[in-house]
């Protein structure tokens, strides 16, 4: 299970919930470039190899605020 963190600004930008259960599909490179302070090495190692692939992410109630699990990846059209 691979998780990524989205801060409140990113959640707002992508119309995702920071605290409650939610899910969405986003391009990995868009997520990577959306963090104003930049991502740490761990997140870059996860997201950069995915390039423009679309990733499905999901947040369940037990996850910490802003933490989303990558559930699937797919090539962008």
N, C-alpha and C. Protein backbone atom coordinates (compact mmCIF):
# COMPACT_ATOMS: atom_id res chain seq x y z
N UNK A 1 0.85 -1.18 0.00
CA UNK A 1 0.00 0.00 0.00
C UNK A 1 0.89 1.24 0.00
N UNK A 2 0.75 2.06 -1.03
CA UNK A 2 1.54 3.29 -1.15
C UNK A 2 0.62 4.47 -0.89
N UNK A 3 1.05 5.35 0.01
CA UNK A 3 0.26 6.53 0.33
C UNK A 3 1.04 7.79 -0.02
N UNK A 4 0.28 8.81 -0.41
CA UNK A 4 0.85 10.13 -0.64
C UNK A 4 0.07 11.14 0.19
N UNK A 5 0.71 12.24 0.47
CA UNK A 5 0.08 13.29 1.27
C UNK A 5 -0.30 14.47 0.39
N UNK A 6 -1.52 14.95 0.58
CA UNK A 6 -1.99 16.16 -0.07
C UNK A 6 -2.32 17.16 1.03
N UNK A 7 -1.71 18.35 0.97
CA UNK A 7 -2.00 19.34 2.00
C UNK A 7 -3.38 19.96 1.74
N UNK A 8 -3.82 20.81 2.65
CA UNK A 8 -5.17 21.38 2.52
C UNK A 8 -5.35 22.15 1.22
N UNK A 9 -4.33 22.90 0.82
CA UNK A 9 -4.44 23.66 -0.43
C UNK A 9 -4.60 22.74 -1.63
N UNK A 10 -3.84 21.65 -1.66
CA UNK A 10 -3.96 20.69 -2.76
C UNK A 10 -5.34 20.05 -2.75
N UNK A 11 -5.82 19.65 -1.59
CA UNK A 11 -7.15 19.05 -1.51
C UNK A 11 -8.20 20.01 -2.04
N UNK A 12 -8.08 21.27 -1.68
CA UNK A 12 -9.03 22.27 -2.17
C UNK A 12 -8.91 22.42 -3.69
N UNK A 13 -7.68 22.50 -4.18
CA UNK A 13 -7.45 22.65 -5.62
C UNK A 13 -8.02 21.48 -6.42
N UNK A 14 -7.90 20.27 -5.88
CA UNK A 14 -8.36 19.07 -6.58
C UNK A 14 -9.77 18.64 -6.16
N UNK A 15 -10.43 19.45 -5.34
CA UNK A 15 -11.79 19.14 -4.85
C UNK A 15 -11.84 17.80 -4.14
N UNK A 16 -10.84 17.57 -3.29
CA UNK A 16 -10.79 16.36 -2.47
C UNK A 16 -10.91 16.75 -1.00
N UNK A 17 -11.43 15.84 -0.21
CA UNK A 17 -11.61 16.12 1.21
C UNK A 17 -10.31 15.87 1.97
N UNK A 18 -9.99 16.75 2.88
CA UNK A 18 -8.77 16.62 3.68
C UNK A 18 -8.98 15.69 4.87
N UNK A 19 -10.19 15.70 5.43
CA UNK A 19 -10.47 14.93 6.65
C UNK A 19 -11.33 13.68 6.43
N UNK A 20 -12.28 13.74 5.53
CA UNK A 20 -13.26 12.66 5.37
C UNK A 20 -12.88 11.72 4.23
N UNK A 21 -13.60 10.62 4.13
CA UNK A 21 -13.38 9.66 3.05
C UNK A 21 -13.62 10.34 1.72
N UNK A 22 -12.78 10.03 0.75
CA UNK A 22 -12.91 10.61 -0.58
C UNK A 22 -12.03 9.84 -1.55
N UNK A 23 -12.20 10.08 -2.82
CA UNK A 23 -11.34 9.46 -3.83
C UNK A 23 -11.33 10.34 -5.07
N UNK A 24 -10.32 10.12 -5.91
CA UNK A 24 -10.22 10.89 -7.13
C UNK A 24 -9.19 10.29 -8.06
N UNK A 25 -9.08 10.87 -9.25
CA UNK A 25 -8.12 10.45 -10.25
C UNK A 25 -7.37 11.69 -10.73
N UNK A 26 -6.05 11.66 -10.61
CA UNK A 26 -5.22 12.81 -10.95
C UNK A 26 -3.95 12.35 -11.64
N UNK A 27 -3.37 13.21 -12.47
CA UNK A 27 -2.08 12.90 -13.06
C UNK A 27 -0.99 13.07 -12.02
N UNK A 28 -0.05 12.13 -12.00
CA UNK A 28 1.04 12.15 -11.01
C UNK A 28 1.87 13.42 -11.12
N UNK A 29 2.17 13.86 -12.36
CA UNK A 29 2.99 15.06 -12.51
C UNK A 29 2.28 16.33 -12.04
N UNK A 30 0.97 16.36 -12.16
CA UNK A 30 0.18 17.50 -11.68
C UNK A 30 0.22 17.56 -10.15
N UNK A 31 0.08 16.39 -9.52
CA UNK A 31 0.17 16.34 -8.06
C UNK A 31 1.54 16.84 -7.63
N UNK A 32 2.57 16.32 -8.27
CA UNK A 32 3.94 16.68 -7.90
C UNK A 32 4.19 18.17 -8.03
N UNK A 33 3.70 18.79 -9.07
CA UNK A 33 3.95 20.21 -9.29
C UNK A 33 3.01 21.11 -8.49
N UNK A 34 1.98 20.55 -7.88
CA UNK A 34 0.99 21.37 -7.18
C UNK A 34 1.39 21.74 -5.75
N UNK A 35 2.38 21.09 -5.21
CA UNK A 35 2.78 21.37 -3.83
C UNK A 35 3.72 22.57 -3.83
N UNK A 36 3.26 23.67 -3.24
CA UNK A 36 3.99 24.94 -3.31
C UNK A 36 5.38 24.86 -2.69
N UNK A 37 5.53 24.10 -1.62
CA UNK A 37 6.83 24.00 -0.95
C UNK A 37 7.66 22.83 -1.50
N UNK A 38 7.10 22.09 -2.46
CA UNK A 38 7.80 20.94 -3.03
C UNK A 38 7.65 19.71 -2.16
N UNK A 39 7.76 18.56 -2.79
CA UNK A 39 7.64 17.30 -2.07
C UNK A 39 8.99 16.80 -1.59
N UNK A 40 8.96 15.98 -0.55
CA UNK A 40 10.18 15.36 -0.03
C UNK A 40 10.64 14.26 -0.98
N UNK A 41 11.80 13.70 -0.70
CA UNK A 41 12.39 12.68 -1.56
C UNK A 41 11.47 11.48 -1.72
N UNK A 42 10.85 11.02 -0.65
CA UNK A 42 9.99 9.84 -0.71
C UNK A 42 8.85 10.05 -1.72
N UNK A 43 8.19 11.20 -1.64
CA UNK A 43 7.09 11.48 -2.56
C UNK A 43 7.58 11.63 -4.00
N UNK A 44 8.72 12.27 -4.19
CA UNK A 44 9.28 12.40 -5.54
C UNK A 44 9.62 11.03 -6.12
N UNK A 45 10.15 10.13 -5.29
CA UNK A 45 10.48 8.77 -5.75
C UNK A 45 9.23 7.99 -6.17
N UNK A 46 8.10 8.30 -5.56
CA UNK A 46 6.84 7.64 -5.90
C UNK A 46 6.24 8.27 -7.16
N UNK A 47 6.15 9.59 -7.20
CA UNK A 47 5.40 10.28 -8.24
C UNK A 47 6.18 10.52 -9.54
N UNK A 48 7.45 10.86 -9.47
CA UNK A 48 8.19 11.19 -10.69
C UNK A 48 8.22 10.06 -11.71
N UNK A 49 8.47 8.81 -11.31
CA UNK A 49 8.49 7.73 -12.31
C UNK A 49 7.13 7.52 -13.02
N UNK A 50 6.06 7.98 -12.40
CA UNK A 50 4.74 7.82 -12.99
C UNK A 50 4.46 8.86 -14.07
N UNK A 51 5.25 9.92 -14.10
CA UNK A 51 5.12 10.94 -15.14
C UNK A 51 3.70 11.46 -15.27
N UNK A 52 3.14 11.35 -16.48
CA UNK A 52 1.79 11.87 -16.72
C UNK A 52 0.71 10.80 -16.54
N UNK A 53 1.07 9.68 -15.93
CA UNK A 53 0.07 8.64 -15.67
C UNK A 53 -1.00 9.16 -14.71
N UNK A 54 -2.20 8.70 -14.93
CA UNK A 54 -3.30 9.03 -14.03
C UNK A 54 -3.28 8.03 -12.89
N UNK A 55 -3.34 8.55 -11.67
CA UNK A 55 -3.41 7.65 -10.52
C UNK A 55 -4.76 7.84 -9.83
N UNK A 56 -5.32 6.73 -9.42
CA UNK A 56 -6.53 6.75 -8.61
C UNK A 56 -6.09 6.74 -7.16
N UNK A 57 -6.65 7.63 -6.38
CA UNK A 57 -6.31 7.71 -4.97
C UNK A 57 -7.59 7.65 -4.13
N UNK A 58 -7.45 7.12 -2.93
CA UNK A 58 -8.60 7.01 -2.03
C UNK A 58 -8.16 7.28 -0.60
N UNK A 59 -9.02 7.97 0.13
CA UNK A 59 -8.78 8.24 1.54
C UNK A 59 -9.91 7.63 2.34
N UNK A 60 -9.55 6.81 3.32
CA UNK A 60 -10.58 6.22 4.20
C UNK A 60 -10.51 6.90 5.56
N UNK A 61 -11.56 6.74 6.31
CA UNK A 61 -11.70 7.46 7.58
C UNK A 61 -10.52 7.25 8.52
N UNK A 62 -9.92 6.08 8.54
CA UNK A 62 -8.82 5.81 9.47
C UNK A 62 -7.50 6.43 9.06
N UNK A 63 -7.40 6.90 7.81
CA UNK A 63 -6.17 7.55 7.35
C UNK A 63 -6.03 8.91 8.03
N UNK A 64 -4.79 9.31 8.23
CA UNK A 64 -4.55 10.64 8.77
C UNK A 64 -5.02 11.70 7.79
N UNK A 65 -5.32 12.90 8.26
CA UNK A 65 -5.77 13.97 7.38
C UNK A 65 -4.81 14.17 6.21
N UNK A 66 -5.37 14.20 5.00
CA UNK A 66 -4.58 14.46 3.81
C UNK A 66 -3.87 13.26 3.21
N UNK A 67 -3.88 12.11 3.87
CA UNK A 67 -3.17 10.93 3.36
C UNK A 67 -4.10 10.12 2.47
N UNK A 68 -3.64 9.87 1.23
CA UNK A 68 -4.40 9.12 0.24
C UNK A 68 -3.59 7.91 -0.22
N UNK A 69 -4.28 6.79 -0.40
CA UNK A 69 -3.66 5.57 -0.89
C UNK A 69 -3.79 5.51 -2.41
N UNK A 70 -2.70 5.20 -3.10
CA UNK A 70 -2.76 4.99 -4.55
C UNK A 70 -3.38 3.63 -4.78
N UNK A 71 -4.50 3.62 -5.48
CA UNK A 71 -5.22 2.37 -5.70
C UNK A 71 -5.02 1.82 -7.09
N UNK A 72 -4.61 2.67 -8.07
CA UNK A 72 -4.44 2.21 -9.44
C UNK A 72 -3.70 3.29 -10.23
N UNK A 73 -2.94 2.86 -11.23
CA UNK A 73 -2.31 3.81 -12.15
C UNK A 73 -2.71 3.44 -13.58
N UNK A 74 -2.78 4.45 -14.43
CA UNK A 74 -3.14 4.22 -15.84
C UNK A 74 -2.47 5.28 -16.70
N UNK A 75 -2.13 4.92 -17.91
CA UNK A 75 -1.54 5.87 -18.85
C UNK A 75 -2.55 6.95 -19.21
N UNK A 76 -2.09 8.20 -19.26
CA UNK A 76 -2.95 9.30 -19.68
C UNK A 76 -3.10 9.24 -21.20
N UNK A 77 -4.27 9.65 -21.68
CA UNK A 77 -4.51 9.68 -23.13
C UNK A 77 -3.95 10.93 -23.74
